[in-house]
Amino acid sequence: MQVRRPLLCLAVLCLLLATAPFLRGTTVIQPTFDRLVGAADYVVRVKVKAVDSTWRDNATNPGERYIGTAVTLDVLETISGTPPSPLVLDLVGGRVGQEELTIEGAPKFAVGEESILFVRGNGQVYFPLVGLMHGYFPVRRDVRTGSAQVLHANGQPLYSEKELDPAASTAVVHGPQEQALTPEAFRNRIQQRQHELLALEKQN
């Protein structure tokens, strides 16, 4: 976590410890695909409508403040669960004037960007995505053809949900004919796995 002022850093540290007691720094282990699907309150394909960062009072330490951000989203498709309407992500971090608070590894949202999000604990945790950056999948569209592909948070194309297994090799080489997942293909695999997990749960 990077911040400009020591006082702000202390205030936010107290806030994070209060809202996310399991947090140890911002190192997050890659969750499995099953974990992403099963842990999300809802999964949505969205487009960022507005990003508003403001100073907020730290409820756990009166007199101290931190920067928080409200990200207003247009829901293009609900993949699973029931998101609220309107959907506004509430998160710690952002920029106000010359002051900026960043959570290491957390994705940054920009107006107009499209993505698929695995949302959990919105308004209750410091960053409401399953596995932090691992619950964020940008969608890149070709400006000429309009075709779209799903990316990992680091901007690399996502070819299969199997790549999300923590044990998967990071050195996999994809052939020139291999295509990255489209938003529709990724949606179908998410919904299929959710149905399979629900069936397994009923059997047990």
N, C-alpha and C. Protein backbone atom coordinates (compact mmCIF):
# COMPACT_ATOMS: atom_id res chain seq x y z
N MET A 1 0.85 -1.19 0.00
CA MET A 1 0.00 0.00 0.00
C MET A 1 0.88 1.23 0.00
N GLN A 2 0.66 2.15 -0.91
CA GLN A 2 1.50 3.33 -1.03
C GLN A 2 0.65 4.57 -0.79
N VAL A 3 1.19 5.51 -0.02
CA VAL A 3 0.44 6.70 0.31
C VAL A 3 1.42 7.83 0.56
N ARG A 4 0.95 9.04 0.45
CA ARG A 4 1.84 10.20 0.53
C ARG A 4 2.18 10.61 1.97
N ARG A 5 1.22 10.44 2.92
CA ARG A 5 1.45 11.00 4.25
C ARG A 5 1.42 9.91 5.32
N PRO A 6 2.37 9.96 6.32
CA PRO A 6 2.39 8.95 7.38
C PRO A 6 1.09 8.89 8.16
N LEU A 7 0.46 10.04 8.47
CA LEU A 7 -0.78 10.05 9.24
C LEU A 7 -1.88 9.31 8.50
N LEU A 8 -1.97 9.55 7.19
CA LEU A 8 -2.98 8.87 6.39
C LEU A 8 -2.71 7.38 6.36
N CYS A 9 -1.45 7.01 6.26
CA CYS A 9 -1.09 5.60 6.22
C CYS A 9 -1.54 4.91 7.50
N LEU A 10 -1.32 5.53 8.65
CA LEU A 10 -1.73 4.97 9.92
C LEU A 10 -3.23 4.82 10.00
N ALA A 11 -3.96 5.84 9.55
CA ALA A 11 -5.42 5.80 9.60
C ALA A 11 -5.96 4.67 8.75
N VAL A 12 -5.41 4.52 7.56
CA VAL A 12 -5.90 3.47 6.67
C VAL A 12 -5.52 2.10 7.18
N LEU A 13 -4.33 1.98 7.80
CA LEU A 13 -3.94 0.70 8.37
C LEU A 13 -4.94 0.27 9.43
N CYS A 14 -5.36 1.20 10.28
CA CYS A 14 -6.36 0.89 11.30
C CYS A 14 -7.67 0.48 10.66
N LEU A 15 -8.04 1.18 9.62
CA LEU A 15 -9.30 0.86 8.92
C LEU A 15 -9.24 -0.54 8.32
N LEU A 16 -8.12 -0.87 7.66
CA LEU A 16 -8.01 -2.18 7.03
C LEU A 16 -8.01 -3.30 8.05
N LEU A 17 -7.37 -3.07 9.17
CA LEU A 17 -7.36 -4.10 10.21
C LEU A 17 -8.75 -4.32 10.78
N ALA A 18 -9.55 -3.25 10.78
CA ALA A 18 -10.91 -3.37 11.31
C ALA A 18 -11.85 -4.03 10.32
N THR A 19 -11.68 -3.72 9.04
CA THR A 19 -12.62 -4.23 8.04
C THR A 19 -12.17 -5.53 7.43
N ALA A 20 -10.89 -5.88 7.53
CA ALA A 20 -10.41 -7.12 6.93
C ALA A 20 -9.37 -7.75 7.84
N PRO A 21 -9.80 -8.37 8.96
CA PRO A 21 -8.86 -8.92 9.93
C PRO A 21 -8.00 -10.04 9.39
N PHE A 22 -8.38 -10.65 8.26
CA PHE A 22 -7.60 -11.73 7.67
C PHE A 22 -6.46 -11.20 6.82
N LEU A 23 -6.43 -9.88 6.60
CA LEU A 23 -5.46 -9.28 5.70
C LEU A 23 -4.06 -9.31 6.30
N ARG A 24 -3.09 -9.73 5.50
CA ARG A 24 -1.69 -9.69 5.89
C ARG A 24 -0.94 -9.01 4.76
N GLY A 25 -0.79 -7.66 4.86
CA GLY A 25 -0.26 -6.90 3.74
C GLY A 25 -1.29 -6.95 2.63
N THR A 26 -0.83 -6.97 1.39
CA THR A 26 -1.78 -7.11 0.29
C THR A 26 -1.38 -8.26 -0.63
N THR A 27 -0.62 -9.23 -0.07
CA THR A 27 -0.29 -10.41 -0.84
C THR A 27 -1.49 -11.33 -0.87
N VAL A 28 -1.98 -11.63 -2.07
CA VAL A 28 -3.18 -12.43 -2.22
C VAL A 28 -2.87 -13.65 -3.06
N ILE A 29 -3.21 -14.83 -2.55
CA ILE A 29 -2.98 -16.06 -3.28
C ILE A 29 -4.05 -16.21 -4.36
N GLN A 30 -3.62 -16.63 -5.54
CA GLN A 30 -4.55 -16.86 -6.64
C GLN A 30 -5.60 -17.89 -6.24
N PRO A 31 -6.90 -17.50 -6.22
CA PRO A 31 -7.94 -18.47 -5.91
C PRO A 31 -8.21 -19.39 -7.09
N THR A 32 -8.70 -20.59 -6.82
CA THR A 32 -9.09 -21.48 -7.90
C THR A 32 -10.33 -20.93 -8.60
N PHE A 33 -10.62 -21.47 -9.77
CA PHE A 33 -11.83 -21.08 -10.49
C PHE A 33 -13.06 -21.41 -9.66
N ASP A 34 -13.05 -22.58 -8.99
CA ASP A 34 -14.17 -22.95 -8.13
C ASP A 34 -14.36 -21.94 -7.01
N ARG A 35 -13.27 -21.47 -6.45
CA ARG A 35 -13.35 -20.48 -5.37
C ARG A 35 -13.92 -19.17 -5.89
N LEU A 36 -13.46 -18.73 -7.06
CA LEU A 36 -13.99 -17.50 -7.64
C LEU A 36 -15.50 -17.59 -7.83
N VAL A 37 -15.93 -18.71 -8.42
CA VAL A 37 -17.35 -18.88 -8.71
C VAL A 37 -18.16 -19.03 -7.44
N GLY A 38 -17.67 -19.86 -6.51
CA GLY A 38 -18.43 -20.16 -5.30
C GLY A 38 -18.46 -19.06 -4.27
N ALA A 39 -17.41 -18.23 -4.24
CA ALA A 39 -17.31 -17.21 -3.19
C ALA A 39 -17.98 -15.89 -3.57
N ALA A 40 -18.21 -15.68 -4.86
CA ALA A 40 -18.77 -14.39 -5.30
C ALA A 40 -20.24 -14.25 -4.91
N ASP A 41 -20.60 -13.06 -4.42
CA ASP A 41 -22.02 -12.75 -4.18
C ASP A 41 -22.74 -12.66 -5.52
N TYR A 42 -22.05 -12.10 -6.50
CA TYR A 42 -22.57 -12.03 -7.86
C TYR A 42 -21.42 -11.79 -8.82
N VAL A 43 -21.62 -12.22 -10.06
CA VAL A 43 -20.63 -12.03 -11.12
C VAL A 43 -21.30 -11.22 -12.22
N VAL A 44 -20.66 -10.15 -12.65
CA VAL A 44 -21.27 -9.24 -13.61
C VAL A 44 -20.27 -8.80 -14.67
N ARG A 45 -20.80 -8.56 -15.87
CA ARG A 45 -20.02 -7.88 -16.91
C ARG A 45 -20.48 -6.43 -16.91
N VAL A 46 -19.54 -5.52 -16.76
CA VAL A 46 -19.90 -4.12 -16.50
C VAL A 46 -19.07 -3.17 -17.34
N LYS A 47 -19.56 -1.94 -17.39
CA LYS A 47 -18.81 -0.83 -17.97
C LYS A 47 -18.79 0.29 -16.95
N VAL A 48 -17.62 0.87 -16.73
CA VAL A 48 -17.47 1.90 -15.70
C VAL A 48 -18.13 3.19 -16.17
N LYS A 49 -19.06 3.67 -15.35
CA LYS A 49 -19.79 4.90 -15.67
C LYS A 49 -19.17 6.12 -15.01
N ALA A 50 -18.72 5.96 -13.77
CA ALA A 50 -18.14 7.09 -13.04
C ALA A 50 -17.22 6.57 -11.95
N VAL A 51 -16.17 7.34 -11.63
CA VAL A 51 -15.24 7.02 -10.56
C VAL A 51 -15.10 8.28 -9.70
N ASP A 52 -15.55 8.20 -8.46
CA ASP A 52 -15.55 9.38 -7.57
C ASP A 52 -14.79 9.08 -6.29
N SER A 53 -13.64 9.75 -6.13
CA SER A 53 -12.81 9.57 -4.94
C SER A 53 -12.98 10.77 -4.01
N THR A 54 -13.12 10.49 -2.71
CA THR A 54 -13.32 11.55 -1.72
C THR A 54 -12.60 11.20 -0.42
N TRP A 55 -12.39 12.23 0.39
CA TRP A 55 -11.89 12.00 1.75
C TRP A 55 -13.04 11.51 2.61
N ARG A 56 -12.75 10.52 3.45
CA ARG A 56 -13.77 9.96 4.33
C ARG A 56 -13.26 9.91 5.76
N ASP A 57 -14.19 10.03 6.70
CA ASP A 57 -13.84 9.88 8.11
C ASP A 57 -13.62 8.40 8.43
N ASN A 58 -12.59 8.13 9.21
CA ASN A 58 -12.31 6.77 9.64
C ASN A 58 -13.13 6.48 10.90
N ALA A 59 -14.16 5.67 10.75
CA ALA A 59 -15.08 5.40 11.86
C ALA A 59 -14.39 4.72 13.03
N THR A 60 -13.31 3.98 12.76
CA THR A 60 -12.62 3.27 13.84
C THR A 60 -11.65 4.17 14.60
N ASN A 61 -11.30 5.33 14.01
CA ASN A 61 -10.40 6.27 14.65
C ASN A 61 -10.88 7.69 14.37
N PRO A 62 -11.82 8.20 15.17
CA PRO A 62 -12.36 9.54 14.96
C PRO A 62 -11.26 10.59 14.84
N GLY A 63 -11.43 11.47 13.87
CA GLY A 63 -10.45 12.52 13.64
C GLY A 63 -9.47 12.18 12.54
N GLU A 64 -9.42 10.93 12.14
CA GLU A 64 -8.54 10.53 11.06
C GLU A 64 -9.37 10.28 9.80
N ARG A 65 -8.73 10.47 8.65
CA ARG A 65 -9.44 10.30 7.39
C ARG A 65 -8.62 9.46 6.42
N TYR A 66 -9.31 8.95 5.42
CA TYR A 66 -8.66 8.19 4.37
C TYR A 66 -9.38 8.49 3.05
N ILE A 67 -8.78 8.09 1.93
CA ILE A 67 -9.41 8.28 0.63
C ILE A 67 -10.17 7.02 0.25
N GLY A 68 -11.43 7.19 -0.10
CA GLY A 68 -12.25 6.09 -0.59
C GLY A 68 -12.82 6.44 -1.94
N THR A 69 -13.24 5.42 -2.67
CA THR A 69 -13.73 5.62 -4.03
C THR A 69 -15.05 4.88 -4.26
N ALA A 70 -15.98 5.56 -4.91
CA ALA A 70 -17.23 4.95 -5.35
C ALA A 70 -17.14 4.78 -6.86
N VAL A 71 -17.25 3.54 -7.32
CA VAL A 71 -17.18 3.23 -8.75
C VAL A 71 -18.58 2.86 -9.22
N THR A 72 -19.20 3.73 -10.00
CA THR A 72 -20.55 3.48 -10.51
C THR A 72 -20.45 2.69 -11.80
N LEU A 73 -21.21 1.59 -11.86
CA LEU A 73 -21.09 0.65 -12.97
C LEU A 73 -22.40 0.48 -13.72
N ASP A 74 -22.32 0.43 -15.03
CA ASP A 74 -23.45 0.00 -15.85
C ASP A 74 -23.35 -1.51 -15.99
N VAL A 75 -24.36 -2.23 -15.56
CA VAL A 75 -24.35 -3.68 -15.66
C VAL A 75 -24.80 -4.08 -17.07
N LEU A 76 -23.86 -4.61 -17.85
CA LEU A 76 -24.16 -5.05 -19.20
C LEU A 76 -24.78 -6.44 -19.21
N GLU A 77 -24.40 -7.24 -18.21
CA GLU A 77 -24.91 -8.61 -18.12
C GLU A 77 -24.70 -9.13 -16.71
N THR A 78 -25.74 -9.75 -16.15
CA THR A 78 -25.61 -10.44 -14.88
C THR A 78 -25.32 -11.91 -15.16
N ILE A 79 -24.16 -12.37 -14.75
CA ILE A 79 -23.74 -13.74 -15.03
C ILE A 79 -24.22 -14.69 -13.94
N SER A 80 -24.16 -14.25 -12.70
CA SER A 80 -24.69 -15.04 -11.59
C SER A 80 -25.05 -14.12 -10.44
N GLY A 81 -25.94 -14.59 -9.56
CA GLY A 81 -26.34 -13.80 -8.41
C GLY A 81 -27.27 -12.66 -8.79
N THR A 82 -27.49 -11.78 -7.81
CA THR A 82 -28.40 -10.65 -8.01
C THR A 82 -27.73 -9.37 -7.55
N PRO A 83 -27.11 -8.62 -8.44
CA PRO A 83 -26.47 -7.37 -8.04
C PRO A 83 -27.50 -6.30 -7.74
N PRO A 84 -27.17 -5.35 -6.88
CA PRO A 84 -28.08 -4.24 -6.61
C PRO A 84 -28.16 -3.31 -7.80
N SER A 85 -29.20 -2.52 -7.83
CA SER A 85 -29.36 -1.52 -8.88
C SER A 85 -29.71 -0.17 -8.24
N PRO A 86 -28.88 0.85 -8.44
CA PRO A 86 -27.65 0.84 -9.24
C PRO A 86 -26.52 0.11 -8.52
N LEU A 87 -25.53 -0.33 -9.29
CA LEU A 87 -24.38 -1.02 -8.72
C LEU A 87 -23.23 -0.03 -8.57
N VAL A 88 -22.84 0.20 -7.32
CA VAL A 88 -21.74 1.12 -7.02
C VAL A 88 -20.76 0.38 -6.11
N LEU A 89 -19.55 0.13 -6.60
CA LEU A 89 -18.54 -0.50 -5.77
C LEU A 89 -17.96 0.52 -4.81
N ASP A 90 -17.82 0.13 -3.55
CA ASP A 90 -17.26 1.01 -2.54
C ASP A 90 -15.92 0.43 -2.10
N LEU A 91 -14.85 1.18 -2.30
CA LEU A 91 -13.52 0.63 -2.01
C LEU A 91 -12.59 1.65 -1.39
N VAL A 92 -11.57 1.15 -0.73
CA VAL A 92 -10.52 1.98 -0.15
C VAL A 92 -9.49 2.29 -1.23
N GLY A 93 -9.03 3.54 -1.26
CA GLY A 93 -8.03 3.95 -2.23
C GLY A 93 -8.60 4.93 -3.23
N GLY A 94 -7.70 5.64 -3.91
CA GLY A 94 -8.11 6.63 -4.90
C GLY A 94 -7.22 7.85 -4.86
N ARG A 95 -7.62 8.86 -5.61
CA ARG A 95 -6.83 10.09 -5.69
C ARG A 95 -7.74 11.30 -5.52
N VAL A 96 -7.32 12.19 -4.63
CA VAL A 96 -8.01 13.46 -4.42
C VAL A 96 -6.96 14.56 -4.50
N GLY A 97 -7.02 15.39 -5.54
CA GLY A 97 -6.01 16.43 -5.70
C GLY A 97 -4.64 15.81 -5.87
N GLN A 98 -3.68 16.21 -5.04
CA GLN A 98 -2.32 15.69 -5.11
C GLN A 98 -2.11 14.48 -4.20
N GLU A 99 -3.13 14.12 -3.44
CA GLU A 99 -3.02 12.99 -2.52
C GLU A 99 -3.56 11.73 -3.17
N GLU A 100 -2.81 10.61 -3.06
CA GLU A 100 -3.25 9.35 -3.63
C GLU A 100 -2.97 8.21 -2.67
N LEU A 101 -3.96 7.36 -2.52
CA LEU A 101 -3.82 6.15 -1.70
C LEU A 101 -4.00 4.96 -2.63
N THR A 102 -3.01 4.08 -2.69
CA THR A 102 -3.09 2.92 -3.56
C THR A 102 -2.94 1.65 -2.75
N ILE A 103 -3.70 0.64 -3.10
CA ILE A 103 -3.58 -0.68 -2.51
C ILE A 103 -2.80 -1.53 -3.50
N GLU A 104 -1.63 -2.00 -3.10
CA GLU A 104 -0.77 -2.73 -4.02
C GLU A 104 -1.50 -3.94 -4.60
N GLY A 105 -1.49 -4.04 -5.92
CA GLY A 105 -2.12 -5.17 -6.58
C GLY A 105 -3.58 -4.97 -6.91
N ALA A 106 -4.21 -3.96 -6.34
CA ALA A 106 -5.64 -3.74 -6.60
C ALA A 106 -5.83 -3.09 -7.97
N PRO A 107 -6.82 -3.53 -8.73
CA PRO A 107 -7.07 -2.91 -10.04
C PRO A 107 -7.56 -1.48 -9.88
N LYS A 108 -7.28 -0.65 -10.88
CA LYS A 108 -7.78 0.71 -10.91
C LYS A 108 -8.84 0.81 -12.00
N PHE A 109 -9.94 1.46 -11.68
CA PHE A 109 -11.05 1.57 -12.62
C PHE A 109 -11.00 2.92 -13.34
N ALA A 110 -11.33 2.89 -14.63
CA ALA A 110 -11.37 4.10 -15.43
C ALA A 110 -12.68 4.14 -16.20
N VAL A 111 -13.24 5.33 -16.34
CA VAL A 111 -14.52 5.50 -17.03
C VAL A 111 -14.44 4.94 -18.45
N GLY A 112 -15.45 4.16 -18.82
CA GLY A 112 -15.53 3.60 -20.16
C GLY A 112 -14.97 2.20 -20.29
N GLU A 113 -14.21 1.75 -19.30
CA GLU A 113 -13.61 0.42 -19.38
C GLU A 113 -14.64 -0.67 -19.08
N GLU A 114 -14.50 -1.79 -19.77
CA GLU A 114 -15.40 -2.94 -19.60
C GLU A 114 -14.64 -4.06 -18.90
N SER A 115 -15.34 -4.81 -18.05
CA SER A 115 -14.69 -5.91 -17.35
C SER A 115 -15.74 -6.89 -16.83
N ILE A 116 -15.26 -8.06 -16.42
CA ILE A 116 -16.08 -9.05 -15.72
C ILE A 116 -15.57 -9.11 -14.29
N LEU A 117 -16.47 -8.93 -13.33
CA LEU A 117 -16.09 -8.81 -11.92
C LEU A 117 -16.75 -9.90 -11.08
N PHE A 118 -15.96 -10.50 -10.19
CA PHE A 118 -16.46 -11.42 -9.18
C PHE A 118 -16.55 -10.62 -7.88
N VAL A 119 -17.74 -10.18 -7.53
CA VAL A 119 -17.92 -9.24 -6.41
C VAL A 119 -18.30 -9.98 -5.13
N ARG A 120 -17.67 -9.57 -4.04
CA ARG A 120 -17.99 -10.15 -2.73
C ARG A 120 -17.82 -9.10 -1.65
N GLY A 121 -18.84 -8.96 -0.78
CA GLY A 121 -18.71 -8.08 0.38
C GLY A 121 -18.68 -6.61 0.05
N ASN A 122 -19.37 -6.17 -0.99
CA ASN A 122 -19.35 -4.76 -1.35
C ASN A 122 -19.88 -3.92 -0.19
N GLY A 123 -19.10 -2.91 0.22
CA GLY A 123 -19.48 -2.06 1.34
C GLY A 123 -19.08 -2.61 2.70
N GLN A 124 -18.50 -3.81 2.72
CA GLN A 124 -18.12 -4.44 3.99
C GLN A 124 -16.62 -4.71 4.10
N VAL A 125 -15.93 -4.77 2.96
CA VAL A 125 -14.50 -5.03 2.97
C VAL A 125 -13.78 -3.92 2.22
N TYR A 126 -12.46 -3.87 2.38
CA TYR A 126 -11.72 -2.73 1.81
C TYR A 126 -11.67 -2.73 0.29
N PHE A 127 -11.77 -3.94 -0.34
CA PHE A 127 -11.82 -4.00 -1.80
C PHE A 127 -12.70 -5.18 -2.17
N PRO A 128 -13.91 -4.93 -2.70
CA PRO A 128 -14.94 -5.96 -2.80
C PRO A 128 -14.88 -6.88 -4.02
N LEU A 129 -13.70 -7.43 -4.30
CA LEU A 129 -13.58 -8.43 -5.35
C LEU A 129 -12.97 -9.69 -4.76
N VAL A 130 -13.43 -10.86 -5.18
CA VAL A 130 -12.87 -12.11 -4.70
C VAL A 130 -11.39 -12.18 -5.11
N GLY A 131 -10.52 -12.33 -4.11
CA GLY A 131 -9.09 -12.42 -4.43
C GLY A 131 -8.48 -11.15 -4.96
N LEU A 132 -9.07 -10.01 -4.62
CA LEU A 132 -8.53 -8.71 -5.03
C LEU A 132 -8.41 -8.63 -6.56
N MET A 133 -7.19 -8.55 -7.10
CA MET A 133 -7.04 -8.43 -8.55
C MET A 133 -7.46 -9.70 -9.30
N HIS A 134 -7.52 -10.82 -8.59
CA HIS A 134 -7.86 -12.08 -9.25
C HIS A 134 -9.35 -12.17 -9.59
N GLY A 135 -10.16 -11.30 -9.01
CA GLY A 135 -11.59 -11.28 -9.33
C GLY A 135 -11.94 -10.23 -10.37
N TYR A 136 -10.91 -9.73 -11.05
CA TYR A 136 -11.08 -8.65 -12.04
C TYR A 136 -10.55 -9.11 -13.39
N PHE A 137 -11.44 -9.13 -14.40
CA PHE A 137 -11.07 -9.58 -15.74
C PHE A 137 -11.45 -8.51 -16.76
N PRO A 138 -10.49 -7.69 -17.19
CA PRO A 138 -10.79 -6.67 -18.21
C PRO A 138 -11.24 -7.32 -19.51
N VAL A 139 -12.05 -6.59 -20.25
CA VAL A 139 -12.49 -7.02 -21.58
C VAL A 139 -11.92 -6.04 -22.60
N ARG A 140 -11.16 -6.57 -23.55
CA ARG A 140 -10.56 -5.72 -24.58
C ARG A 140 -11.30 -5.93 -25.89
N ARG A 141 -11.71 -4.82 -26.52
CA ARG A 141 -12.44 -4.90 -27.78
C ARG A 141 -11.60 -4.32 -28.92
N ASP A 142 -11.66 -4.99 -30.05
CA ASP A 142 -11.00 -4.51 -31.26
C ASP A 142 -11.82 -3.35 -31.82
N VAL A 143 -11.20 -2.19 -31.96
CA VAL A 143 -11.95 -1.01 -32.39
C VAL A 143 -12.45 -1.14 -33.83
N ARG A 144 -11.81 -1.99 -34.62
CA ARG A 144 -12.22 -2.15 -36.02
C ARG A 144 -13.32 -3.19 -36.19
N THR A 145 -13.14 -4.34 -35.53
CA THR A 145 -14.09 -5.44 -35.72
C THR A 145 -15.14 -5.54 -34.63
N GLY A 146 -14.85 -4.93 -33.46
CA GLY A 146 -15.78 -5.04 -32.33
C GLY A 146 -15.67 -6.34 -31.58
N SER A 147 -14.79 -7.25 -32.04
CA SER A 147 -14.60 -8.52 -31.34
C SER A 147 -13.95 -8.27 -29.98
N ALA A 148 -14.25 -9.15 -29.02
CA ALA A 148 -13.77 -8.92 -27.66
C ALA A 148 -13.08 -10.16 -27.12
N GLN A 149 -12.13 -9.94 -26.22
CA GLN A 149 -11.46 -11.03 -25.52
C GLN A 149 -11.30 -10.66 -24.06
N VAL A 150 -11.31 -11.70 -23.23
CA VAL A 150 -11.16 -11.52 -21.78
C VAL A 150 -9.68 -11.58 -21.43
N LEU A 151 -9.26 -10.71 -20.52
CA LEU A 151 -7.87 -10.64 -20.09
C LEU A 151 -7.73 -10.98 -18.62
N HIS A 152 -6.53 -11.41 -18.25
CA HIS A 152 -6.17 -11.45 -16.84
C HIS A 152 -6.00 -10.01 -16.36
N ALA A 153 -5.93 -9.82 -15.05
CA ALA A 153 -5.75 -8.47 -14.50
C ALA A 153 -4.46 -7.83 -14.98
N ASN A 154 -3.46 -8.66 -15.33
CA ASN A 154 -2.18 -8.11 -15.80
C ASN A 154 -2.18 -7.77 -17.28
N GLY A 155 -3.35 -7.94 -17.94
CA GLY A 155 -3.46 -7.57 -19.35
C GLY A 155 -3.19 -8.68 -20.33
N GLN A 156 -2.81 -9.87 -19.84
CA GLN A 156 -2.57 -11.00 -20.72
C GLN A 156 -3.89 -11.70 -21.06
N PRO A 157 -4.05 -12.19 -22.29
CA PRO A 157 -5.29 -12.86 -22.66
C PRO A 157 -5.56 -14.09 -21.81
N LEU A 158 -6.83 -14.35 -21.53
CA LEU A 158 -7.27 -15.54 -20.80
C LEU A 158 -7.76 -16.57 -21.81
N TYR A 159 -7.05 -17.70 -21.90
CA TYR A 159 -7.40 -18.73 -22.89
C TYR A 159 -8.31 -19.81 -22.31
N SER A 160 -8.23 -20.02 -21.00
CA SER A 160 -9.01 -21.07 -20.38
C SER A 160 -9.13 -20.78 -18.89
N GLU A 161 -10.25 -21.20 -18.30
CA GLU A 161 -10.41 -21.07 -16.85
C GLU A 161 -9.40 -21.93 -16.10
N LYS A 162 -8.82 -22.93 -16.78
CA LYS A 162 -7.82 -23.78 -16.14
C LYS A 162 -6.57 -22.98 -15.78
N GLU A 163 -6.35 -21.86 -16.46
CA GLU A 163 -5.20 -21.01 -16.14
C GLU A 163 -5.34 -20.38 -14.75
N LEU A 164 -6.54 -20.40 -14.20
CA LEU A 164 -6.78 -19.76 -12.90
C LEU A 164 -6.43 -20.68 -11.73
N ASP A 165 -6.06 -21.91 -12.02
CA ASP A 165 -5.62 -22.84 -10.97
C ASP A 165 -4.26 -22.35 -10.46
N PRO A 166 -4.10 -22.17 -9.14
CA PRO A 166 -2.80 -21.71 -8.62
C PRO A 166 -1.64 -22.60 -9.01
N ALA A 167 -1.92 -23.87 -9.31
CA ALA A 167 -0.86 -24.80 -9.67
C ALA A 167 -0.55 -24.78 -11.16
N ALA A 168 -1.32 -24.03 -11.93
CA ALA A 168 -1.12 -23.99 -13.38
C ALA A 168 0.23 -23.36 -13.71
N SER A 169 0.85 -23.87 -14.75
CA SER A 169 2.14 -23.33 -15.17
C SER A 169 1.96 -21.95 -15.78
N THR A 170 2.84 -21.04 -15.44
CA THR A 170 2.79 -19.69 -16.02
C THR A 170 3.57 -19.63 -17.33
N ALA A 171 4.17 -20.76 -17.71
CA ALA A 171 5.01 -20.77 -18.91
C ALA A 171 4.32 -21.46 -20.09
N VAL A 172 3.00 -21.57 -20.04
CA VAL A 172 2.27 -22.21 -21.12
C VAL A 172 2.37 -21.36 -22.38
N VAL A 173 2.70 -21.98 -23.51
CA VAL A 173 2.82 -21.28 -24.78
C VAL A 173 1.58 -21.60 -25.60
N HIS A 174 0.89 -20.58 -26.09
CA HIS A 174 -0.32 -20.76 -26.88
C HIS A 174 0.01 -20.62 -28.36
N GLY A 175 -0.58 -21.50 -29.15
CA GLY A 175 -0.33 -21.49 -30.58
C GLY A 175 -0.99 -20.31 -31.25
N PRO A 176 -0.54 -19.98 -32.47
CA PRO A 176 -1.07 -18.81 -33.18
C PRO A 176 -2.55 -18.93 -33.51
N GLN A 177 -3.05 -20.16 -33.59
CA GLN A 177 -4.46 -20.36 -33.91
C GLN A 177 -5.36 -20.38 -32.68
N GLU A 178 -4.75 -20.41 -31.51
CA GLU A 178 -5.54 -20.49 -30.28
C GLU A 178 -6.14 -19.12 -29.95
N GLN A 179 -7.40 -19.11 -29.61
CA GLN A 179 -8.11 -17.86 -29.35
C GLN A 179 -8.36 -17.66 -27.86
N ALA A 180 -8.23 -16.43 -27.42
CA ALA A 180 -8.58 -16.09 -26.03
C ALA A 180 -10.09 -16.20 -25.86
N LEU A 181 -10.52 -16.40 -24.62
CA LEU A 181 -11.94 -16.51 -24.33
C LEU A 181 -12.66 -15.20 -24.65
N THR A 182 -13.81 -15.31 -25.26
CA THR A 182 -14.68 -14.14 -25.42
C THR A 182 -15.48 -13.96 -24.13
N PRO A 183 -16.07 -12.79 -23.91
CA PRO A 183 -16.92 -12.62 -22.72
C PRO A 183 -18.04 -13.65 -22.66
N GLU A 184 -18.60 -14.00 -23.82
CA GLU A 184 -19.69 -14.98 -23.86
C GLU A 184 -19.21 -16.37 -23.47
N ALA A 185 -18.03 -16.75 -23.95
CA ALA A 185 -17.48 -18.07 -23.62
C ALA A 185 -17.14 -18.14 -22.14
N PHE A 186 -16.56 -17.07 -21.60
CA PHE A 186 -16.22 -17.06 -20.16
C PHE A 186 -17.50 -17.10 -19.32
N ARG A 187 -18.51 -16.35 -19.74
CA ARG A 187 -19.81 -16.39 -19.05
C ARG A 187 -20.36 -17.81 -19.00
N ASN A 188 -20.32 -18.51 -20.13
CA ASN A 188 -20.87 -19.85 -20.19
C ASN A 188 -20.13 -20.80 -19.25
N ARG A 189 -18.82 -20.66 -19.16
CA ARG A 189 -18.04 -21.53 -18.30
C ARG A 189 -18.28 -21.22 -16.82
N ILE A 190 -18.48 -19.96 -16.51
CA ILE A 190 -18.81 -19.58 -15.14
C ILE A 190 -20.16 -20.17 -14.74
N GLN A 191 -21.15 -20.01 -15.59
CA GLN A 191 -22.49 -20.51 -15.29
C GLN A 191 -22.52 -22.04 -15.23
N GLN A 192 -21.80 -22.68 -16.12
CA GLN A 192 -21.75 -24.14 -16.10
C GLN A 192 -21.13 -24.64 -14.80
N ARG A 193 -20.02 -24.01 -14.39
CA ARG A 193 -19.35 -24.47 -13.16
C ARG A 193 -20.21 -24.18 -11.94
N GLN A 194 -20.94 -23.07 -11.95
CA GLN A 194 -21.82 -22.76 -10.84
C GLN A 194 -22.91 -23.83 -10.70
N HIS A 195 -23.49 -24.25 -11.82
CA HIS A 195 -24.51 -25.30 -11.79
C HIS A 195 -23.93 -26.61 -11.28
N GLU A 196 -22.70 -26.93 -11.68
CA GLU A 196 -22.05 -28.16 -11.22
C GLU A 196 -21.78 -28.11 -9.72
N LEU A 197 -21.33 -26.97 -9.22
CA LEU A 197 -21.07 -26.82 -7.80
C LEU A 197 -22.35 -26.92 -6.98
N LEU A 198 -23.43 -26.34 -7.47
CA LEU A 198 -24.71 -26.43 -6.78
C LEU A 198 -25.21 -27.87 -6.75
N ALA A 199 -25.00 -28.60 -7.83
CA ALA A 199 -25.42 -30.01 -7.89
C ALA A 199 -24.63 -30.84 -6.89
N LEU A 200 -23.33 -30.58 -6.79
CA LEU A 200 -22.48 -31.29 -5.83
C LEU A 200 -22.89 -30.98 -4.39
N GLU A 201 -23.26 -29.72 -4.16
CA GLU A 201 -23.68 -29.31 -2.83
C GLU A 201 -24.97 -30.03 -2.42
N LYS A 202 -25.90 -30.19 -3.35
CA LYS A 202 -27.15 -30.88 -3.06
C LYS A 202 -26.93 -32.36 -2.77
N GLN A 203 -25.95 -32.96 -3.47
CA GLN A 203 -25.65 -34.37 -3.24
C GLN A 203 -25.07 -34.61 -1.87
N ASN A 204 -24.36 -33.62 -1.37
CA ASN A 204 -23.74 -33.76 -0.05
C ASN A 204 -24.69 -33.32 1.06
